[in-house]
Amino acid sequence: MFRRSKCSLNEVSMNSAIGLIHAAVDQGVNIAEVYVDTVGPPVKYQAKLQLIFPQMKITVAKKADSTYPIVSAASICAKVSRDHALKVWRFPEDIHIEGNNFGSGYPGDPVTKRFLSE
């Protein structure tokens, strides 16, 4: 966000999804369909992905984790991975924090809010 040209969180999320798809393809994964929970307008996001990956069937939808079981499964995997990463996280600045007293990192998390304000 300190760059001359700003990058929104939605753009960061979209670029991450694009990078993940590219990484899977680069490793030889044969991807026929992609299902994505939207950030921003789904039609615009789907069109962007379809331009980049024309050989794939792209589906971008609001609340995709409620509609498509594969997105629900991916959401659970991501949550478990994130929870584990936070559990073993060590700050490079040698800040000693007992347990996970810095929260999840989500803006609405009261533990995260308290950690940042303190």
N, C-alpha and C. Protein backbone atom coordinates (compact mmCIF):
# COMPACT_ATOMS: atom_id res chain seq x y z
N MET A 1 0.81 -1.20 0.00
CA MET A 1 0.00 0.00 0.00
C MET A 1 0.86 1.27 0.00
N PHE A 2 2.16 1.15 0.25
CA PHE A 2 3.02 2.32 0.24
C PHE A 2 3.55 2.63 -1.16
N ARG A 3 3.21 1.81 -2.12
CA ARG A 3 3.67 2.04 -3.49
C ARG A 3 2.96 3.25 -4.10
N ARG A 4 3.57 3.76 -5.16
CA ARG A 4 2.98 4.90 -5.86
C ARG A 4 1.60 4.54 -6.41
N SER A 5 1.49 3.36 -7.01
CA SER A 5 0.18 2.89 -7.47
C SER A 5 -0.33 1.88 -6.44
N LYS A 6 -1.44 2.23 -5.82
CA LYS A 6 -2.01 1.41 -4.75
C LYS A 6 -2.57 0.09 -5.29
N CYS A 7 -2.63 -0.91 -4.42
CA CYS A 7 -3.19 -2.22 -4.77
C CYS A 7 -4.20 -2.57 -3.68
N SER A 8 -5.46 -2.69 -4.05
CA SER A 8 -6.51 -2.97 -3.07
C SER A 8 -6.39 -4.41 -2.56
N LEU A 9 -7.06 -4.68 -1.44
CA LEU A 9 -7.07 -6.05 -0.91
C LEU A 9 -7.76 -7.00 -1.90
N ASN A 10 -8.79 -6.51 -2.60
CA ASN A 10 -9.44 -7.35 -3.62
C ASN A 10 -8.45 -7.72 -4.72
N GLU A 11 -7.64 -6.75 -5.13
CA GLU A 11 -6.64 -7.01 -6.17
C GLU A 11 -5.58 -7.99 -5.68
N VAL A 12 -5.18 -7.86 -4.42
CA VAL A 12 -4.22 -8.80 -3.84
C VAL A 12 -4.81 -10.21 -3.85
N SER A 13 -6.08 -10.33 -3.47
CA SER A 13 -6.75 -11.63 -3.46
C SER A 13 -6.85 -12.22 -4.86
N MET A 14 -7.24 -11.40 -5.84
CA MET A 14 -7.34 -11.88 -7.21
C MET A 14 -5.98 -12.33 -7.73
N ASN A 15 -4.95 -11.52 -7.49
CA ASN A 15 -3.61 -11.88 -7.95
C ASN A 15 -3.10 -13.16 -7.29
N SER A 16 -3.49 -13.36 -6.04
CA SER A 16 -3.11 -14.60 -5.34
C SER A 16 -3.77 -15.81 -5.98
N ALA A 17 -5.06 -15.69 -6.30
CA ALA A 17 -5.77 -16.79 -6.96
C ALA A 17 -5.14 -17.09 -8.31
N ILE A 18 -4.82 -16.04 -9.06
CA ILE A 18 -4.18 -16.22 -10.37
C ILE A 18 -2.83 -16.91 -10.19
N GLY A 19 -2.08 -16.50 -9.21
CA GLY A 19 -0.78 -17.12 -8.95
C GLY A 19 -0.90 -18.59 -8.56
N LEU A 20 -1.92 -18.91 -7.75
CA LEU A 20 -2.13 -20.31 -7.35
C LEU A 20 -2.49 -21.18 -8.55
N ILE A 21 -3.34 -20.65 -9.44
CA ILE A 21 -3.71 -21.41 -10.63
C ILE A 21 -2.49 -21.61 -11.52
N HIS A 22 -1.72 -20.55 -11.74
CA HIS A 22 -0.49 -20.66 -12.54
C HIS A 22 0.46 -21.69 -11.93
N ALA A 23 0.62 -21.66 -10.60
CA ALA A 23 1.53 -22.59 -9.93
C ALA A 23 1.09 -24.04 -10.13
N ALA A 24 -0.20 -24.29 -10.02
CA ALA A 24 -0.72 -25.65 -10.22
C ALA A 24 -0.48 -26.10 -11.66
N VAL A 25 -0.76 -25.23 -12.61
CA VAL A 25 -0.55 -25.57 -14.03
C VAL A 25 0.94 -25.82 -14.29
N ASP A 26 1.81 -24.98 -13.72
CA ASP A 26 3.25 -25.14 -13.90
C ASP A 26 3.77 -26.46 -13.35
N GLN A 27 3.06 -27.00 -12.34
CA GLN A 27 3.45 -28.29 -11.77
C GLN A 27 2.81 -29.46 -12.50
N GLY A 28 2.11 -29.17 -13.58
CA GLY A 28 1.55 -30.24 -14.41
C GLY A 28 0.14 -30.67 -14.05
N VAL A 29 -0.52 -29.93 -13.18
CA VAL A 29 -1.90 -30.28 -12.82
C VAL A 29 -2.81 -29.93 -14.00
N ASN A 30 -3.64 -30.88 -14.39
CA ASN A 30 -4.58 -30.68 -15.49
C ASN A 30 -5.87 -30.09 -14.91
N ILE A 31 -6.04 -28.80 -15.05
CA ILE A 31 -7.20 -28.12 -14.47
C ILE A 31 -8.23 -27.87 -15.57
N ALA A 32 -9.43 -28.40 -15.36
CA ALA A 32 -10.52 -28.20 -16.32
C ALA A 32 -11.49 -27.13 -15.82
N GLU A 33 -11.71 -27.09 -14.49
CA GLU A 33 -12.67 -26.15 -13.91
C GLU A 33 -12.08 -25.48 -12.69
N VAL A 34 -12.45 -24.21 -12.49
CA VAL A 34 -12.01 -23.43 -11.34
C VAL A 34 -13.24 -22.79 -10.71
N TYR A 35 -13.37 -22.93 -9.39
CA TYR A 35 -14.47 -22.32 -8.65
C TYR A 35 -13.87 -21.37 -7.63
N VAL A 36 -14.35 -20.13 -7.64
CA VAL A 36 -13.76 -19.10 -6.79
C VAL A 36 -14.87 -18.33 -6.08
N ASP A 37 -14.66 -18.09 -4.78
CA ASP A 37 -15.54 -17.20 -4.03
C ASP A 37 -15.11 -15.78 -4.37
N THR A 38 -16.05 -14.93 -4.69
CA THR A 38 -15.69 -13.63 -5.25
C THR A 38 -15.15 -12.64 -4.21
N VAL A 39 -14.34 -11.75 -4.71
CA VAL A 39 -14.01 -10.50 -4.03
C VAL A 39 -14.36 -9.45 -5.07
N GLY A 40 -15.24 -8.55 -4.71
CA GLY A 40 -15.71 -7.57 -5.69
C GLY A 40 -16.79 -8.16 -6.58
N PRO A 41 -17.08 -7.49 -7.68
CA PRO A 41 -18.14 -7.97 -8.58
C PRO A 41 -17.76 -9.29 -9.24
N PRO A 42 -18.59 -10.34 -9.07
CA PRO A 42 -18.23 -11.65 -9.60
C PRO A 42 -18.10 -11.70 -11.12
N VAL A 43 -18.95 -10.97 -11.84
CA VAL A 43 -18.91 -11.01 -13.30
C VAL A 43 -17.57 -10.47 -13.81
N LYS A 44 -17.13 -9.37 -13.23
CA LYS A 44 -15.86 -8.75 -13.63
C LYS A 44 -14.67 -9.67 -13.30
N TYR A 45 -14.69 -10.26 -12.11
CA TYR A 45 -13.62 -11.17 -11.68
C TYR A 45 -13.58 -12.41 -12.57
N GLN A 46 -14.76 -12.97 -12.86
CA GLN A 46 -14.82 -14.16 -13.71
C GLN A 46 -14.29 -13.85 -15.10
N ALA A 47 -14.66 -12.69 -15.65
CA ALA A 47 -14.18 -12.30 -16.98
C ALA A 47 -12.65 -12.16 -16.98
N LYS A 48 -12.11 -11.59 -15.91
CA LYS A 48 -10.65 -11.44 -15.81
C LYS A 48 -9.97 -12.80 -15.81
N LEU A 49 -10.47 -13.73 -14.99
CA LEU A 49 -9.88 -15.07 -14.92
C LEU A 49 -10.05 -15.81 -16.25
N GLN A 50 -11.20 -15.65 -16.88
CA GLN A 50 -11.46 -16.35 -18.14
C GLN A 50 -10.52 -15.87 -19.25
N LEU A 51 -10.16 -14.58 -19.23
CA LEU A 51 -9.20 -14.05 -20.20
C LEU A 51 -7.81 -14.65 -19.99
N ILE A 52 -7.44 -14.82 -18.73
CA ILE A 52 -6.11 -15.35 -18.40
C ILE A 52 -6.04 -16.85 -18.63
N PHE A 53 -7.15 -17.56 -18.34
CA PHE A 53 -7.20 -19.02 -18.45
C PHE A 53 -8.35 -19.45 -19.37
N PRO A 54 -8.26 -19.16 -20.67
CA PRO A 54 -9.37 -19.44 -21.58
C PRO A 54 -9.68 -20.93 -21.74
N GLN A 55 -8.73 -21.80 -21.43
CA GLN A 55 -8.92 -23.24 -21.60
C GLN A 55 -9.70 -23.85 -20.43
N MET A 56 -9.97 -23.07 -19.39
CA MET A 56 -10.65 -23.59 -18.20
C MET A 56 -12.07 -23.04 -18.10
N LYS A 57 -12.94 -23.83 -17.47
CA LYS A 57 -14.28 -23.34 -17.15
C LYS A 57 -14.15 -22.63 -15.80
N ILE A 58 -14.40 -21.34 -15.79
CA ILE A 58 -14.24 -20.53 -14.58
C ILE A 58 -15.62 -20.19 -14.02
N THR A 59 -15.79 -20.41 -12.71
CA THR A 59 -17.02 -20.02 -12.03
C THR A 59 -16.64 -19.17 -10.83
N VAL A 60 -17.10 -17.93 -10.83
CA VAL A 60 -16.89 -17.02 -9.70
C VAL A 60 -18.26 -16.67 -9.16
N ALA A 61 -18.46 -16.86 -7.86
CA ALA A 61 -19.79 -16.62 -7.29
C ALA A 61 -19.68 -16.09 -5.87
N LYS A 62 -20.66 -15.27 -5.49
CA LYS A 62 -20.77 -14.84 -4.10
C LYS A 62 -21.16 -16.06 -3.27
N LYS A 63 -20.60 -16.15 -2.08
CA LYS A 63 -20.91 -17.27 -1.16
C LYS A 63 -20.67 -18.62 -1.83
N ALA A 64 -19.63 -18.72 -2.64
CA ALA A 64 -19.34 -19.96 -3.36
C ALA A 64 -19.10 -21.12 -2.39
N ASP A 65 -18.62 -20.81 -1.17
CA ASP A 65 -18.39 -21.88 -0.21
C ASP A 65 -19.70 -22.49 0.28
N SER A 66 -20.81 -21.78 0.13
CA SER A 66 -22.13 -22.33 0.49
C SER A 66 -22.78 -23.06 -0.68
N THR A 67 -22.33 -22.75 -1.89
CA THR A 67 -22.95 -23.30 -3.10
C THR A 67 -22.21 -24.50 -3.66
N TYR A 68 -20.89 -24.46 -3.61
CA TYR A 68 -20.07 -25.50 -4.23
C TYR A 68 -19.27 -26.24 -3.16
N PRO A 69 -19.52 -27.54 -2.98
CA PRO A 69 -18.80 -28.31 -1.95
C PRO A 69 -17.28 -28.23 -2.07
N ILE A 70 -16.74 -28.14 -3.30
CA ILE A 70 -15.30 -28.09 -3.46
C ILE A 70 -14.73 -26.79 -2.86
N VAL A 71 -15.50 -25.70 -2.95
CA VAL A 71 -15.06 -24.44 -2.36
C VAL A 71 -15.15 -24.52 -0.84
N SER A 72 -16.18 -25.20 -0.34
CA SER A 72 -16.30 -25.42 1.11
C SER A 72 -15.10 -26.19 1.63
N ALA A 73 -14.73 -27.24 0.92
CA ALA A 73 -13.58 -28.06 1.34
C ALA A 73 -12.29 -27.23 1.32
N ALA A 74 -12.11 -26.42 0.27
CA ALA A 74 -10.91 -25.58 0.18
C ALA A 74 -10.89 -24.56 1.31
N SER A 75 -12.05 -24.04 1.66
CA SER A 75 -12.15 -23.07 2.75
C SER A 75 -11.74 -23.70 4.08
N ILE A 76 -12.17 -24.93 4.31
CA ILE A 76 -11.80 -25.64 5.54
C ILE A 76 -10.30 -25.90 5.57
N CYS A 77 -9.75 -26.34 4.44
CA CYS A 77 -8.29 -26.58 4.36
C CYS A 77 -7.51 -25.31 4.63
N ALA A 78 -7.97 -24.20 4.06
CA ALA A 78 -7.29 -22.92 4.27
C ALA A 78 -7.36 -22.49 5.73
N LYS A 79 -8.51 -22.69 6.37
CA LYS A 79 -8.66 -22.31 7.77
C LYS A 79 -7.75 -23.15 8.66
N VAL A 80 -7.70 -24.45 8.42
CA VAL A 80 -6.84 -25.33 9.21
C VAL A 80 -5.37 -24.95 9.02
N SER A 81 -4.98 -24.68 7.79
CA SER A 81 -3.60 -24.27 7.50
C SER A 81 -3.26 -22.95 8.18
N ARG A 82 -4.18 -21.98 8.08
CA ARG A 82 -3.96 -20.67 8.71
C ARG A 82 -3.87 -20.82 10.22
N ASP A 83 -4.78 -21.59 10.81
CA ASP A 83 -4.76 -21.79 12.27
C ASP A 83 -3.45 -22.41 12.72
N HIS A 84 -2.95 -23.38 11.96
CA HIS A 84 -1.67 -24.01 12.32
C HIS A 84 -0.52 -23.00 12.19
N ALA A 85 -0.52 -22.24 11.09
CA ALA A 85 0.55 -21.25 10.89
C ALA A 85 0.56 -20.23 12.03
N LEU A 86 -0.62 -19.81 12.47
CA LEU A 86 -0.68 -18.85 13.57
C LEU A 86 -0.25 -19.48 14.89
N LYS A 87 -0.56 -20.75 15.05
CA LYS A 87 -0.20 -21.44 16.30
C LYS A 87 1.32 -21.52 16.49
N VAL A 88 2.04 -21.68 15.40
CA VAL A 88 3.50 -21.84 15.50
C VAL A 88 4.25 -20.57 15.10
N TRP A 89 3.52 -19.49 14.84
CA TRP A 89 4.14 -18.24 14.39
C TRP A 89 5.09 -17.66 15.44
N ARG A 90 6.24 -17.23 14.98
CA ARG A 90 7.21 -16.53 15.81
C ARG A 90 7.54 -15.22 15.12
N PHE A 91 7.45 -14.12 15.86
CA PHE A 91 7.77 -12.82 15.30
C PHE A 91 9.27 -12.69 15.10
N PRO A 92 9.72 -12.23 13.93
CA PRO A 92 11.16 -12.08 13.69
C PRO A 92 11.79 -11.02 14.59
N GLU A 93 10.98 -10.12 15.14
CA GLU A 93 11.51 -9.06 16.01
C GLU A 93 11.74 -9.54 17.43
N ASP A 94 11.62 -10.83 17.68
CA ASP A 94 11.79 -11.41 19.02
C ASP A 94 10.77 -10.91 20.03
N ILE A 95 9.58 -10.62 19.55
CA ILE A 95 8.49 -10.25 20.45
C ILE A 95 7.98 -11.54 21.07
N HIS A 96 7.93 -11.60 22.39
CA HIS A 96 7.43 -12.80 23.06
C HIS A 96 5.96 -12.61 23.39
N ILE A 97 5.13 -13.45 22.81
CA ILE A 97 3.68 -13.40 23.04
C ILE A 97 3.22 -14.80 23.40
N GLU A 98 2.61 -14.93 24.56
CA GLU A 98 2.09 -16.22 24.99
C GLU A 98 0.91 -16.64 24.15
N GLY A 99 0.93 -17.87 23.68
CA GLY A 99 -0.20 -18.40 22.92
C GLY A 99 -0.45 -17.60 21.66
N ASN A 100 -1.71 -17.51 21.29
CA ASN A 100 -2.10 -16.75 20.10
C ASN A 100 -2.81 -15.48 20.56
N ASN A 101 -2.11 -14.66 21.33
CA ASN A 101 -2.72 -13.45 21.85
C ASN A 101 -2.65 -12.29 20.86
N PHE A 102 -2.38 -12.59 19.60
CA PHE A 102 -2.38 -11.54 18.58
C PHE A 102 -3.54 -11.72 17.62
N GLY A 103 -4.31 -12.78 17.78
CA GLY A 103 -5.53 -12.97 17.01
C GLY A 103 -5.32 -13.60 15.65
N SER A 104 -6.37 -13.53 14.86
CA SER A 104 -6.38 -14.18 13.55
C SER A 104 -5.85 -13.28 12.44
N GLY A 105 -5.83 -11.98 12.69
CA GLY A 105 -5.43 -11.04 11.66
C GLY A 105 -6.61 -10.43 10.93
N TYR A 106 -7.79 -10.98 11.15
CA TYR A 106 -8.97 -10.41 10.52
C TYR A 106 -9.33 -9.08 11.19
N PRO A 107 -9.73 -8.07 10.41
CA PRO A 107 -10.02 -6.76 10.98
C PRO A 107 -11.12 -6.76 12.03
N GLY A 108 -12.07 -7.68 11.94
CA GLY A 108 -13.16 -7.73 12.91
C GLY A 108 -12.85 -8.54 14.16
N ASP A 109 -11.69 -9.18 14.21
CA ASP A 109 -11.32 -10.02 15.35
C ASP A 109 -10.94 -9.13 16.55
N PRO A 110 -11.68 -9.24 17.67
CA PRO A 110 -11.38 -8.38 18.83
C PRO A 110 -9.97 -8.61 19.40
N VAL A 111 -9.47 -9.84 19.33
CA VAL A 111 -8.12 -10.12 19.83
C VAL A 111 -7.09 -9.40 18.95
N THR A 112 -7.28 -9.44 17.64
CA THR A 112 -6.39 -8.74 16.72
C THR A 112 -6.45 -7.24 16.98
N LYS A 113 -7.64 -6.70 17.14
CA LYS A 113 -7.80 -5.26 17.41
C LYS A 113 -7.06 -4.86 18.68
N ARG A 114 -7.22 -5.66 19.74
CA ARG A 114 -6.56 -5.36 21.01
C ARG A 114 -5.04 -5.42 20.84
N PHE A 115 -4.54 -6.46 20.16
CA PHE A 115 -3.10 -6.60 19.94
C PHE A 115 -2.53 -5.39 19.21
N LEU A 116 -3.21 -4.95 18.16
CA LEU A 116 -2.72 -3.82 17.37
C LEU A 116 -2.78 -2.51 18.16
N SER A 117 -3.82 -2.34 18.97
CA SER A 117 -3.92 -1.09 19.73
C SER A 117 -2.93 -1.05 20.88
N GLU A 118 -2.57 -2.22 21.43
CA GLU A 118 -1.60 -2.25 22.53
C GLU A 118 -0.19 -2.16 22.01
